[in-house]
Amino acid sequence: MRELFLDNMFQRVLICTDFSDGLHRLTHFVSSLALAGMKQIVFLHAVPLCETGFIPRVDIEKIEQAQTRLVKAVGESPNDVEVKIEVQSGKPVEIILKAAQTYHSQLIILGSQSRNVLTEKLVGSVMADLSHQTKIPLLVLRPQLISAYTAEELTLRCQHLFRSLLLPYDGSQAANYLVQQVKQLAQEQSGRFLQQCRLCWVVENADRREIPRKILPQEAQQALSQIKADLQGVNLQVETEVREGYFVSEILEAAAMADISAIAVSSGTIGKLQEWLVSSFAAELLRFSWYPVLFFPPQHR
């Protein structure tokens, strides 16, 4: 069923909002999102079950309020974009997964708050749960940033969501999988929505278990050069960079200096028990990055 997810860039998109994450603002920017290649946009809001009494029940009043709010915000949509409003009651992750299946979504957009690491592990998060229950890519946006954009800024942001990606690379299986996913997106896009990518390898001095072996900067650069040639073969503009230092801080610094649209990552440990034992770079990045993070869940579980 993979062709349902990546048959032509990200044309069918599910945008999840709880009205506190700023993502409901995107209802005003459907035309701009269309310029990023979107043909079908579903705005989804999950209403918690009403806990008053002994048996949880559907909160019909809040469902109607949310439905009215989203419909009013969307208004008239461009003729070339199909816009749907979904408001359901229940657990957010279950509702998101069901909606994504119903609409054959190719991308799920959601917000991510900066949270305490221990709280995130004990309580969990929607993103963490989704990351190991779906194969659909997730675009995680920082709510504070979306809320702070002016309308003019958000118009441009929506138009260029995928134009330039930063790909952290370390020679691992997850990094190679990430490169292949980006290559496939470039091959399958109908326009020039994805134009550039920057490969960044951070050589760390510390002995971190995510890195399969120690590597010299010259060796890292040579490996990146081979990947660059491969990605250029699918009409991408590619830059490479080797840095030395702490992975997360160096990647964020590279993003700040490279004029990128989003940081693309993949990982097999987000939200899993392994994070008690080994730090996940992708999870750390989601906690600290103000940049949008395009996360590709691993396909083999």
C-alpha atoms as a PDB file:
ATOM      1  CA  MET A   1       0.000   0.000   0.000  1.00  0.00           C
ATOM      2  CA  ARG A   2       3.043   2.253  -0.050  1.00  0.00           C
ATOM      3  CA  GLU A   3       1.941   3.962  -3.244  1.00  0.00           C
ATOM      4  CA  LEU A   4      -0.922   5.530  -1.313  1.00  0.00           C
ATOM      5  CA  PHE A   5       1.532   7.451   0.836  1.00  0.00           C
ATOM      6  CA  LEU A   6       4.160   8.728  -1.552  1.00  0.00           C
ATOM      7  CA  ASP A   7       2.693   8.723  -5.030  1.00  0.00           C
ATOM      8  CA  ASN A   8       3.392  12.387  -5.767  1.00  0.00           C
ATOM      9  CA  MET A   9       5.122  14.395  -3.068  1.00  0.00           C
ATOM     10  CA  PHE A  10       2.723  15.292  -0.226  1.00  0.00           C
ATOM     11  CA  GLN A  11      -0.589  15.924  -1.992  1.00  0.00           C
ATOM     12  CA  ARG A  12      -2.929  14.526   0.679  1.00  0.00           C
ATOM     13  CA  VAL A  13      -2.212  16.124   4.041  1.00  0.00           C
ATOM     14  CA  LEU A  14      -3.776  15.732   7.480  1.00  0.00           C
ATOM     15  CA  ILE A  15      -3.356  18.798   9.727  1.00  0.00           C
ATOM     16  CA  CYS A  16      -4.065  18.066  13.394  1.00  0.00           C
ATOM     17  CA  THR A  17      -4.828  20.928  15.783  1.00  0.00           C
ATOM     18  CA  ASP A  18      -5.983  21.191  19.383  1.00  0.00           C
ATOM     19  CA  PHE A  19      -6.458  24.993  19.038  1.00  0.00           C
ATOM     20  CA  SER A  20      -3.583  25.648  21.466  1.00  0.00           C
ATOM     21  CA  ASP A  21      -0.824  24.704  19.021  1.00  0.00           C
ATOM     22  CA  GLY A  22      -1.302  27.520  16.508  1.00  0.00           C
ATOM     23  CA  LEU A  23      -1.923  25.101  13.646  1.00  0.00           C
ATOM     24  CA  HIS A  24      -5.557  26.146  13.304  1.00  0.00           C
ATOM     25  CA  ARG A  25      -4.131  29.339  11.750  1.00  0.00           C
ATOM     26  CA  LEU A  26      -3.313  27.263   8.686  1.00  0.00           C
ATOM     27  CA  THR A  27      -7.020  27.253   7.811  1.00  0.00           C
ATOM     28  CA  HIS A  28      -6.433  30.785   6.488  1.00  0.00           C
ATOM     29  CA  PHE A  29      -3.553  29.717   4.248  1.00  0.00           C
ATOM     30  CA  VAL A  30      -4.986  26.957   2.081  1.00  0.00           C
ATOM     31  CA  SER A  31      -3.988  28.783  -1.112  1.00  0.00           C
ATOM     32  CA  SER A  32      -0.386  29.002   0.106  1.00  0.00           C
ATOM     33  CA  LEU A  33      -0.321  25.337   1.080  1.00  0.00           C
ATOM     34  CA  ALA A  34      -1.556  24.518  -2.421  1.00  0.00           C
ATOM     35  CA  LEU A  35       1.594  26.173  -3.771  1.00  0.00           C
ATOM     36  CA  ALA A  36       3.559  23.594  -1.735  1.00  0.00           C
ATOM     37  CA  GLY A  37       1.874  20.839  -3.762  1.00  0.00           C
ATOM     38  CA  MET A  38      -1.116  20.003  -1.552  1.00  0.00           C
ATOM     39  CA  LYS A  39      -4.297  18.885  -3.325  1.00  0.00           C
ATOM     40  CA  GLN A  40      -6.296  17.583  -0.365  1.00  0.00           C
ATOM     41  CA  ILE A  41      -6.118  19.109   3.126  1.00  0.00           C
ATOM     42  CA  VAL A  42      -7.973  17.641   6.085  1.00  0.00           C
ATOM     43  CA  PHE A  43      -8.141  19.729   9.257  1.00  0.00           C
ATOM     44  CA  LEU A  44      -8.643  17.414  12.228  1.00  0.00           C
ATOM     45  CA  HIS A  45      -9.558  18.231  15.820  1.00  0.00           C
ATOM     46  CA  ALA A  46      -9.955  15.635  18.569  1.00  0.00           C
ATOM     47  CA  VAL A  47     -12.396  16.409  21.364  1.00  0.00           C
ATOM     48  CA  PRO A  48     -11.692  14.560  24.640  1.00  0.00           C
ATOM     49  CA  LEU A  49     -14.466  12.350  25.969  1.00  0.00           C
ATOM     50  CA  CYS A  50     -16.546  13.977  28.684  1.00  0.00           C
ATOM     51  CA  GLU A  51     -15.528  12.352  31.992  1.00  0.00           C
ATOM     52  CA  THR A  52     -18.439  13.568  34.126  1.00  0.00           C
ATOM     53  CA  GLY A  53     -20.353  10.656  35.576  1.00  0.00           C
ATOM     54  CA  PHE A  54     -19.340   7.010  35.631  1.00  0.00           C
ATOM     55  CA  ILE A  55     -19.227   6.415  31.866  1.00  0.00           C
ATOM     56  CA  PRO A  56     -17.201   8.662  29.505  1.00  0.00           C
ATOM     57  CA  ARG A  57     -19.394  10.091  26.770  1.00  0.00           C
ATOM     58  CA  VAL A  58     -19.049  12.061  23.569  1.00  0.00           C
ATOM     59  CA  ASP A  59     -19.126  15.819  24.161  1.00  0.00           C
ATOM     60  CA  ILE A  60     -21.556  16.799  21.391  1.00  0.00           C
ATOM     61  CA  GLU A  61     -21.521  20.488  22.327  1.00  0.00           C
ATOM     62  CA  LYS A  62     -17.736  20.811  22.031  1.00  0.00           C
ATOM     63  CA  ILE A  63     -17.749  18.860  18.762  1.00  0.00           C
ATOM     64  CA  GLU A  64     -20.267  21.298  17.270  1.00  0.00           C
ATOM     65  CA  GLN A  65     -18.292  24.299  18.545  1.00  0.00           C
ATOM     66  CA  ALA A  66     -15.035  23.018  17.034  1.00  0.00           C
ATOM     67  CA  GLN A  67     -16.750  22.117  13.756  1.00  0.00           C
ATOM     68  CA  THR A  68     -18.245  25.595  13.462  1.00  0.00           C
ATOM     69  CA  ARG A  69     -14.934  27.251  14.321  1.00  0.00           C
ATOM     70  CA  LEU A  70     -12.971  25.363  11.662  1.00  0.00           C
ATOM     71  CA  VAL A  71     -15.600  25.701   8.931  1.00  0.00           C
ATOM     72  CA  LYS A  72     -15.797  29.451   9.518  1.00  0.00           C
ATOM     73  CA  ALA A  73     -12.001  29.796   9.489  1.00  0.00           C
ATOM     74  CA  VAL A  74     -11.556  27.878   6.219  1.00  0.00           C
ATOM     75  CA  GLY A  75     -14.209  29.878   4.372  1.00  0.00           C
ATOM     76  CA  GLU A  76     -14.043  29.627   0.578  1.00  0.00           C
ATOM     77  CA  SER A  77     -11.312  27.252  -0.626  1.00  0.00           C
ATOM     78  CA  PRO A  78      -9.493  27.353  -3.968  1.00  0.00           C
ATOM     79  CA  ASN A  79     -11.101  25.183  -6.629  1.00  0.00           C
ATOM     80  CA  ASP A  80      -7.954  23.099  -7.064  1.00  0.00           C
ATOM     81  CA  VAL A  81      -7.765  22.108  -3.367  1.00  0.00           C
ATOM     82  CA  GLU A  82     -10.152  19.742  -1.590  1.00  0.00           C
ATOM     83  CA  VAL A  83     -10.605  20.833   2.034  1.00  0.00           C
ATOM     84  CA  LYS A  84     -12.228  18.598   4.655  1.00  0.00           C
ATOM     85  CA  ILE A  85     -13.095  19.270   8.292  1.00  0.00           C
ATOM     86  CA  GLU A  86     -13.038  16.372  10.744  1.00  0.00           C
ATOM     87  CA  VAL A  87     -14.002  16.748  14.409  1.00  0.00           C
ATOM     88  CA  GLN A  88     -14.229  13.557  16.426  1.00  0.00           C
ATOM     89  CA  SER A  89     -14.339  12.617  20.087  1.00  0.00           C
ATOM     90  CA  GLY A  90     -11.918  10.154  21.654  1.00  0.00           C
ATOM     91  CA  LYS A  91      -8.201   9.505  22.040  1.00  0.00           C
ATOM     92  CA  PRO A  92      -6.135  11.785  19.739  1.00  0.00           C
ATOM     93  CA  VAL A  93      -3.768   9.103  18.424  1.00  0.00           C
ATOM     94  CA  GLU A  94      -6.591   6.705  17.533  1.00  0.00           C
ATOM     95  CA  ILE A  95      -8.533   9.495  15.815  1.00  0.00           C
ATOM     96  CA  ILE A  96      -5.490  10.659  13.840  1.00  0.00           C
ATOM     97  CA  LEU A  97      -4.652   7.145  12.656  1.00  0.00           C
ATOM     98  CA  LYS A  98      -8.247   6.502  11.599  1.00  0.00           C
ATOM     99  CA  ALA A  99      -8.511   9.801   9.705  1.00  0.00           C
ATOM    100  CA  ALA A 100      -5.158   9.229   7.979  1.00  0.00           C
ATOM    101  CA  GLN A 101      -6.379   5.831   6.799  1.00  0.00           C
ATOM    102  CA  THR A 102      -9.740   7.173   5.651  1.00  0.00           C
ATOM    103  CA  TYR A 103      -8.235   9.952   3.548  1.00  0.00           C
ATOM    104  CA  HIS A 104      -5.096   8.048   2.476  1.00  0.00           C
ATOM    105  CA  SER A 105      -2.995  10.856   3.949  1.00  0.00           C
ATOM    106  CA  GLN A 106       0.604  11.118   2.778  1.00  0.00           C
ATOM    107  CA  LEU A 107       1.709  13.517   5.516  1.00  0.00           C
ATOM    108  CA  ILE A 108       0.522  14.284   9.049  1.00  0.00           C
ATOM    109  CA  ILE A 109       1.209  17.786  10.373  1.00  0.00           C
ATOM    110  CA  LEU A 110       1.084  18.352  14.123  1.00  0.00           C
ATOM    111  CA  GLY A 111       2.514  20.607  16.791  1.00  0.00           C
ATOM    112  CA  SER A 112       5.112  19.767  19.407  1.00  0.00           C
ATOM    113  CA  GLN A 113       5.580  21.486  22.728  1.00  0.00           C
ATOM    114  CA  SER A 114       8.981  21.739  24.398  1.00  0.00           C
ATOM    115  CA  ARG A 115       8.630  19.255  27.238  1.00  0.00           C
ATOM    116  CA  ASN A 116      10.609  17.869  30.122  1.00  0.00           C
ATOM    117  CA  VAL A 117      12.407  14.676  29.093  1.00  0.00           C
ATOM    118  CA  LEU A 118      11.228  12.628  32.068  1.00  0.00           C
ATOM    119  CA  THR A 119       7.624  13.810  31.660  1.00  0.00           C
ATOM    120  CA  GLU A 120       7.743  12.914  27.969  1.00  0.00           C
ATOM    121  CA  LYS A 121       8.911   9.384  28.750  1.00  0.00           C
ATOM    122  CA  LEU A 122       6.448   8.745  31.550  1.00  0.00           C
ATOM    123  CA  VAL A 123       3.365  10.404  30.065  1.00  0.00           C
ATOM    124  CA  GLY A 124       4.168   9.952  26.387  1.00  0.00           C
ATOM    125  CA  SER A 125       3.146  12.259  23.555  1.00  0.00           C
ATOM    126  CA  VAL A 126       0.990  12.126  20.464  1.00  0.00           C
ATOM    127  CA  MET A 127       4.040  12.400  18.231  1.00  0.00           C
ATOM    128  CA  ALA A 128       5.881   9.605  20.042  1.00  0.00           C
ATOM    129  CA  ASP A 129       2.863   7.298  19.859  1.00  0.00           C
ATOM    130  CA  LEU A 130       2.268   8.077  16.193  1.00  0.00           C
ATOM    131  CA  SER A 131       5.922   7.549  15.294  1.00  0.00           C
ATOM    132  CA  HIS A 132       5.729   3.803  15.966  1.00  0.00           C
ATOM    133  CA  GLN A 133       2.123   3.210  14.883  1.00  0.00           C
ATOM    134  CA  THR A 134       2.198   4.699  11.388  1.00  0.00           C
ATOM    135  CA  LYS A 135       4.434   4.627   8.320  1.00  0.00           C
ATOM    136  CA  ILE A 136       3.216   8.053   7.219  1.00  0.00           C
ATOM    137  CA  PRO A 137       5.790  10.881   7.517  1.00  0.00           C
ATOM    138  CA  LEU A 138       5.139  13.470  10.227  1.00  0.00           C
ATOM    139  CA  LEU A 139       5.858  17.189   9.932  1.00  0.00           C
ATOM    140  CA  VAL A 140       6.236  18.585  13.436  1.00  0.00           C
ATOM    141  CA  LEU A 141       5.893  22.358  13.826  1.00  0.00           C
ATOM    142  CA  ARG A 142       6.733  24.403  16.913  1.00  0.00           C
ATOM    143  CA  PRO A 143       3.460  26.036  18.046  1.00  0.00           C
ATOM    144  CA  GLN A 144       5.137  29.151  19.467  1.00  0.00           C
ATOM    145  CA  LEU A 145       6.766  29.850  16.115  1.00  0.00           C
ATOM    146  CA  ILE A 146       3.583  29.371  14.067  1.00  0.00           C
ATOM    147  CA  SER A 147       1.688  31.618  16.475  1.00  0.00           C
ATOM    148  CA  ALA A 148       4.306  34.365  16.220  1.00  0.00           C
ATOM    149  CA  TYR A 149       4.428  34.551  12.411  1.00  0.00           C
ATOM    150  CA  THR A 150       2.696  37.482  10.772  1.00  0.00           C
ATOM    151  CA  ALA A 151       0.240  36.617   7.991  1.00  0.00           C
ATOM    152  CA  GLU A 152       2.835  37.627   5.395  1.00  0.00           C
ATOM    153  CA  GLU A 153       5.495  35.411   6.999  1.00  0.00           C
ATOM    154  CA  LEU A 154       3.157  32.449   7.343  1.00  0.00           C
ATOM    155  CA  THR A 155       2.113  32.790   3.704  1.00  0.00           C
ATOM    156  CA  LEU A 156       5.724  32.322   2.603  1.00  0.00           C
ATOM    157  CA  ARG A 157       6.339  29.536   5.126  1.00  0.00           C
ATOM    158  CA  CYS A 158       3.353  27.552   3.841  1.00  0.00           C
ATOM    159  CA  GLN A 159       4.489  27.957   0.237  1.00  0.00           C
ATOM    160  CA  HIS A 160       7.979  26.649   0.955  1.00  0.00           C
ATOM    161  CA  LEU A 161       7.444  23.954   3.596  1.00  0.00           C
ATOM    162  CA  PHE A 162       9.679  21.444   1.785  1.00  0.00           C
ATOM    163  CA  ARG A 163      11.843  23.611  -0.477  1.00  0.00           C
ATOM    164  CA  SER A 164      15.138  23.095   1.355  1.00  0.00           C
ATOM    165  CA  LEU A 165      15.821  20.188   3.745  1.00  0.00           C
ATOM    166  CA  LEU A 166      18.700  19.643   6.143  1.00  0.00           C
ATOM    167  CA  LEU A 167      19.620  15.956   6.402  1.00  0.00           C
ATOM    168  CA  PRO A 168      21.699  14.971   9.445  1.00  0.00           C
ATOM    169  CA  TYR A 169      23.819  12.001   8.385  1.00  0.00           C
ATOM    170  CA  ASP A 170      26.060   9.626  10.348  1.00  0.00           C
ATOM    171  CA  GLY A 171      26.355   6.524   8.187  1.00  0.00           C
ATOM    172  CA  SER A 172      23.751   4.613  10.203  1.00  0.00           C
ATOM    173  CA  GLN A 173      20.890   2.531   8.829  1.00  0.00           C
ATOM    174  CA  ALA A 174      18.399   5.237   9.845  1.00  0.00           C
ATOM    175  CA  ALA A 175      20.435   7.913   8.047  1.00  0.00           C
ATOM    176  CA  ASN A 176      20.632   5.853   4.849  1.00  0.00           C
ATOM    177  CA  TYR A 177      16.899   5.222   5.017  1.00  0.00           C
ATOM    178  CA  LEU A 178      16.335   8.965   5.387  1.00  0.00           C
ATOM    179  CA  VAL A 179      18.393   9.704   2.275  1.00  0.00           C
ATOM    180  CA  GLN A 180      16.392   7.166   0.270  1.00  0.00           C
ATOM    181  CA  GLN A 181      13.088   8.706   1.390  1.00  0.00           C
ATOM    182  CA  VAL A 182      14.190  12.191   0.360  1.00  0.00           C
ATOM    183  CA  LYS A 183      15.450  10.843  -2.959  1.00  0.00           C
ATOM    184  CA  GLN A 184      12.092   9.202  -3.595  1.00  0.00           C
ATOM    185  CA  LEU A 185      10.238  12.413  -2.797  1.00  0.00           C
ATOM    186  CA  ALA A 186      12.391  14.270  -5.298  1.00  0.00           C
ATOM    187  CA  GLN A 187      11.777  11.628  -7.958  1.00  0.00           C
ATOM    188  CA  GLU A 188       8.009  11.575  -7.471  1.00  0.00           C
ATOM    189  CA  GLN A 189       7.209  15.257  -7.068  1.00  0.00           C
ATOM    190  CA  SER A 190       5.146  16.801  -9.862  1.00  0.00           C
ATOM    191  CA  GLY A 191       6.696  20.258  -9.466  1.00  0.00           C
ATOM    192  CA  ARG A 192       9.729  21.824  -7.825  1.00  0.00           C
ATOM    193  CA  PHE A 193       8.439  21.809  -4.254  1.00  0.00           C
ATOM    194  CA  LEU A 194      11.607  20.115  -2.976  1.00  0.00           C
ATOM    195  CA  GLN A 195      14.586  21.857  -4.557  1.00  0.00           C
ATOM    196  CA  GLN A 196      17.571  21.649  -2.238  1.00  0.00           C
ATOM    197  CA  CYS A 197      19.032  19.560   0.540  1.00  0.00           C
ATOM    198  CA  ARG A 198      22.067  19.904   2.769  1.00  0.00           C
ATOM    199  CA  LEU A 199      23.844  16.845   4.144  1.00  0.00           C
ATOM    200  CA  CYS A 200      25.531  17.419   7.487  1.00  0.00           C
ATOM    201  CA  TRP A 201      27.723  14.854   9.264  1.00  0.00           C
ATOM    202  CA  VAL A 202      28.693  15.731  12.829  1.00  0.00           C
ATOM    203  CA  VAL A 203      31.803  13.876  13.967  1.00  0.00           C
ATOM    204  CA  GLU A 204      31.575  13.567  17.727  1.00  0.00           C
ATOM    205  CA  ASN A 205      34.404  12.949  20.145  1.00  0.00           C
ATOM    206  CA  ALA A 206      32.150  11.248  22.681  1.00  0.00           C
ATOM    207  CA  ASP A 207      31.488   7.525  22.328  1.00  0.00           C
ATOM    208  CA  ARG A 208      27.771   7.601  21.461  1.00  0.00           C
ATOM    209  CA  ARG A 209      26.062   4.318  20.694  1.00  0.00           C
ATOM    210  CA  GLU A 210      24.036   5.706  17.759  1.00  0.00           C
ATOM    211  CA  ILE A 211      27.246   6.115  15.744  1.00  0.00           C
ATOM    212  CA  PRO A 212      28.281   2.692  14.403  1.00  0.00           C
ATOM    213  CA  ARG A 213      31.990   3.526  14.347  1.00  0.00           C
ATOM    214  CA  LYS A 214      34.372   6.397  14.760  1.00  0.00           C
ATOM    215  CA  ILE A 215      35.169   8.168  11.527  1.00  0.00           C
ATOM    216  CA  LEU A 216      37.619  10.837  10.454  1.00  0.00           C
ATOM    217  CA  PRO A 217      36.272  14.108   9.001  1.00  0.00           C
ATOM    218  CA  GLN A 218      37.953  13.310   5.670  1.00  0.00           C
ATOM    219  CA  GLU A 219      36.192   9.934   5.519  1.00  0.00           C
ATOM    220  CA  ALA A 220      32.868  11.542   6.385  1.00  0.00           C
ATOM    221  CA  GLN A 221      33.302  14.098   3.612  1.00  0.00           C
ATOM    222  CA  GLN A 222      34.115  11.376   1.103  1.00  0.00           C
ATOM    223  CA  ALA A 223      30.974   9.445   2.050  1.00  0.00           C
ATOM    224  CA  LEU A 224      28.845  12.588   1.752  1.00  0.00           C
ATOM    225  CA  SER A 225      30.279  13.306  -1.695  1.00  0.00           C
ATOM    226  CA  GLN A 226      28.984   9.960  -2.949  1.00  0.00           C
ATOM    227  CA  ILE A 227      25.510  10.634  -1.537  1.00  0.00           C
ATOM    228  CA  LYS A 228      25.577  14.125  -3.035  1.00  0.00           C
ATOM    229  CA  ALA A 229      26.165  12.712  -6.508  1.00  0.00           C
ATOM    230  CA  ASP A 230      23.286  10.272  -6.052  1.00  0.00           C
ATOM    231  CA  LEU A 231      20.840  13.008  -4.980  1.00  0.00           C
ATOM    232  CA  GLN A 232      21.954  15.337  -7.734  1.00  0.00           C
ATOM    233  CA  GLY A 233      20.855  12.603 -10.116  1.00  0.00           C
ATOM    234  CA  VAL A 234      17.216  13.332  -9.167  1.00  0.00           C
ATOM    235  CA  ASN A 235      17.553  17.045  -9.911  1.00  0.00           C
ATOM    236  CA  LEU A 236      18.297  18.242  -6.375  1.00  0.00           C
ATOM    237  CA  GLN A 237      20.727  20.998  -5.464  1.00  0.00           C
ATOM    238  CA  VAL A 238      22.953  19.439  -2.806  1.00  0.00           C
ATOM    239  CA  GLU A 239      25.491  20.860  -0.356  1.00  0.00           C
ATOM    240  CA  THR A 240      27.575  18.868   2.126  1.00  0.00           C
ATOM    241  CA  GLU A 241      29.147  19.816   5.425  1.00  0.00           C
ATOM    242  CA  VAL A 242      31.200  18.039   8.080  1.00  0.00           C
ATOM    243  CA  ARG A 243      31.217  19.462  11.612  1.00  0.00           C
ATOM    244  CA  GLU A 244      32.843  18.416  14.854  1.00  0.00           C
ATOM    245  CA  GLY A 245      31.134  18.666  18.238  1.00  0.00           C
ATOM    246  CA  TYR A 246      27.857  17.713  19.904  1.00  0.00           C
ATOM    247  CA  PHE A 247      25.333  16.334  17.413  1.00  0.00           C
ATOM    248  CA  VAL A 248      22.203  18.298  18.309  1.00  0.00           C
ATOM    249  CA  SER A 249      23.797  21.703  18.829  1.00  0.00           C
ATOM    250  CA  GLU A 250      25.862  21.410  15.649  1.00  0.00           C
ATOM    251  CA  ILE A 251      22.852  20.379  13.556  1.00  0.00           C
ATOM    252  CA  LEU A 252      20.833  23.305  14.898  1.00  0.00           C
ATOM    253  CA  GLU A 253      23.724  25.654  14.138  1.00  0.00           C
ATOM    254  CA  ALA A 254      23.972  24.239  10.622  1.00  0.00           C
ATOM    255  CA  ALA A 255      20.238  24.803  10.155  1.00  0.00           C
ATOM    256  CA  ALA A 256      20.539  28.415  11.300  1.00  0.00           C
ATOM    257  CA  MET A 257      23.312  29.154   8.793  1.00  0.00           C
ATOM    258  CA  ALA A 258      21.980  27.166   5.808  1.00  0.00           C
ATOM    259  CA  ASP A 259      18.598  28.873   5.215  1.00  0.00           C
ATOM    260  CA  ILE A 260      16.612  25.631   5.354  1.00  0.00           C
ATOM    261  CA  SER A 261      12.850  24.985   5.430  1.00  0.00           C
ATOM    262  CA  ALA A 262      12.910  21.908   7.684  1.00  0.00           C
ATOM    263  CA  ILE A 263      15.188  19.319   9.243  1.00  0.00           C
ATOM    264  CA  ALA A 264      14.495  15.784   8.008  1.00  0.00           C
ATOM    265  CA  VAL A 265      15.186  12.843  10.334  1.00  0.00           C
ATOM    266  CA  SER A 266      14.380   9.189  10.923  1.00  0.00           C
ATOM    267  CA  SER A 267      14.752   7.043  14.022  1.00  0.00           C
ATOM    268  CA  GLY A 268      13.574   3.741  15.386  1.00  0.00           C
ATOM    269  CA  THR A 269      13.626   4.599  19.092  1.00  0.00           C
ATOM    270  CA  ILE A 270      11.306   7.594  19.652  1.00  0.00           C
ATOM    271  CA  GLY A 271       8.730   6.745  22.296  1.00  0.00           C
ATOM    272  CA  LYS A 272      10.216   3.312  22.960  1.00  0.00           C
ATOM    273  CA  LEU A 273      11.899   1.753  25.976  1.00  0.00           C
ATOM    274  CA  GLN A 274      15.304   2.080  24.298  1.00  0.00           C
ATOM    275  CA  GLU A 275      15.210   5.810  25.080  1.00  0.00           C
ATOM    276  CA  TRP A 276      15.713   4.970  28.750  1.00  0.00           C
ATOM    277  CA  LEU A 277      19.047   3.447  27.779  1.00  0.00           C
ATOM    278  CA  VAL A 278      20.236   5.397  24.743  1.00  0.00           C
ATOM    279  CA  SER A 279      19.534   8.981  23.749  1.00  0.00           C
ATOM    280  CA  SER A 280      17.656   9.345  20.481  1.00  0.00           C
ATOM    281  CA  PHE A 281      18.993  12.160  18.339  1.00  0.00           C
ATOM    282  CA  ALA A 282      15.610  12.568  16.651  1.00  0.00           C
ATOM    283  CA  ALA A 283      13.835  12.866  20.007  1.00  0.00           C
ATOM    284  CA  GLU A 284      16.342  15.452  21.239  1.00  0.00           C
ATOM    285  CA  LEU A 285      15.983  17.415  18.043  1.00  0.00           C
ATOM    286  CA  LEU A 286      12.195  17.480  18.423  1.00  0.00           C
ATOM    287  CA  ARG A 287      12.586  18.849  21.934  1.00  0.00           C
ATOM    288  CA  PHE A 288      15.053  21.595  21.116  1.00  0.00           C
ATOM    289  CA  SER A 289      14.545  22.586  17.476  1.00  0.00           C
ATOM    290  CA  TRP A 290      12.548  25.656  16.539  1.00  0.00           C
ATOM    291  CA  TYR A 291      12.735  24.482  12.936  1.00  0.00           C
ATOM    292  CA  PRO A 292      10.041  22.262  11.446  1.00  0.00           C
ATOM    293  CA  VAL A 293      11.079  18.610  11.692  1.00  0.00           C
ATOM    294  CA  LEU A 294      10.086  16.186   8.922  1.00  0.00           C
ATOM    295  CA  PHE A 295      10.141  12.747  10.538  1.00  0.00           C
ATOM    296  CA  PHE A 296      10.127   9.529   8.515  1.00  0.00           C
ATOM    297  CA  PRO A 297       9.030   6.581  10.700  1.00  0.00           C
ATOM    298  CA  PRO A 298      11.019   3.404  10.006  1.00  0.00           C
ATOM    299  CA  GLN A 299       9.199   0.999   7.701  1.00  0.00           C
ATOM    300  CA  HIS A 300      10.516  -2.187   9.316  1.00  0.00           C
ATOM    301  CA  ARG A 301       9.248  -2.760  12.840  1.00  0.00           C
END
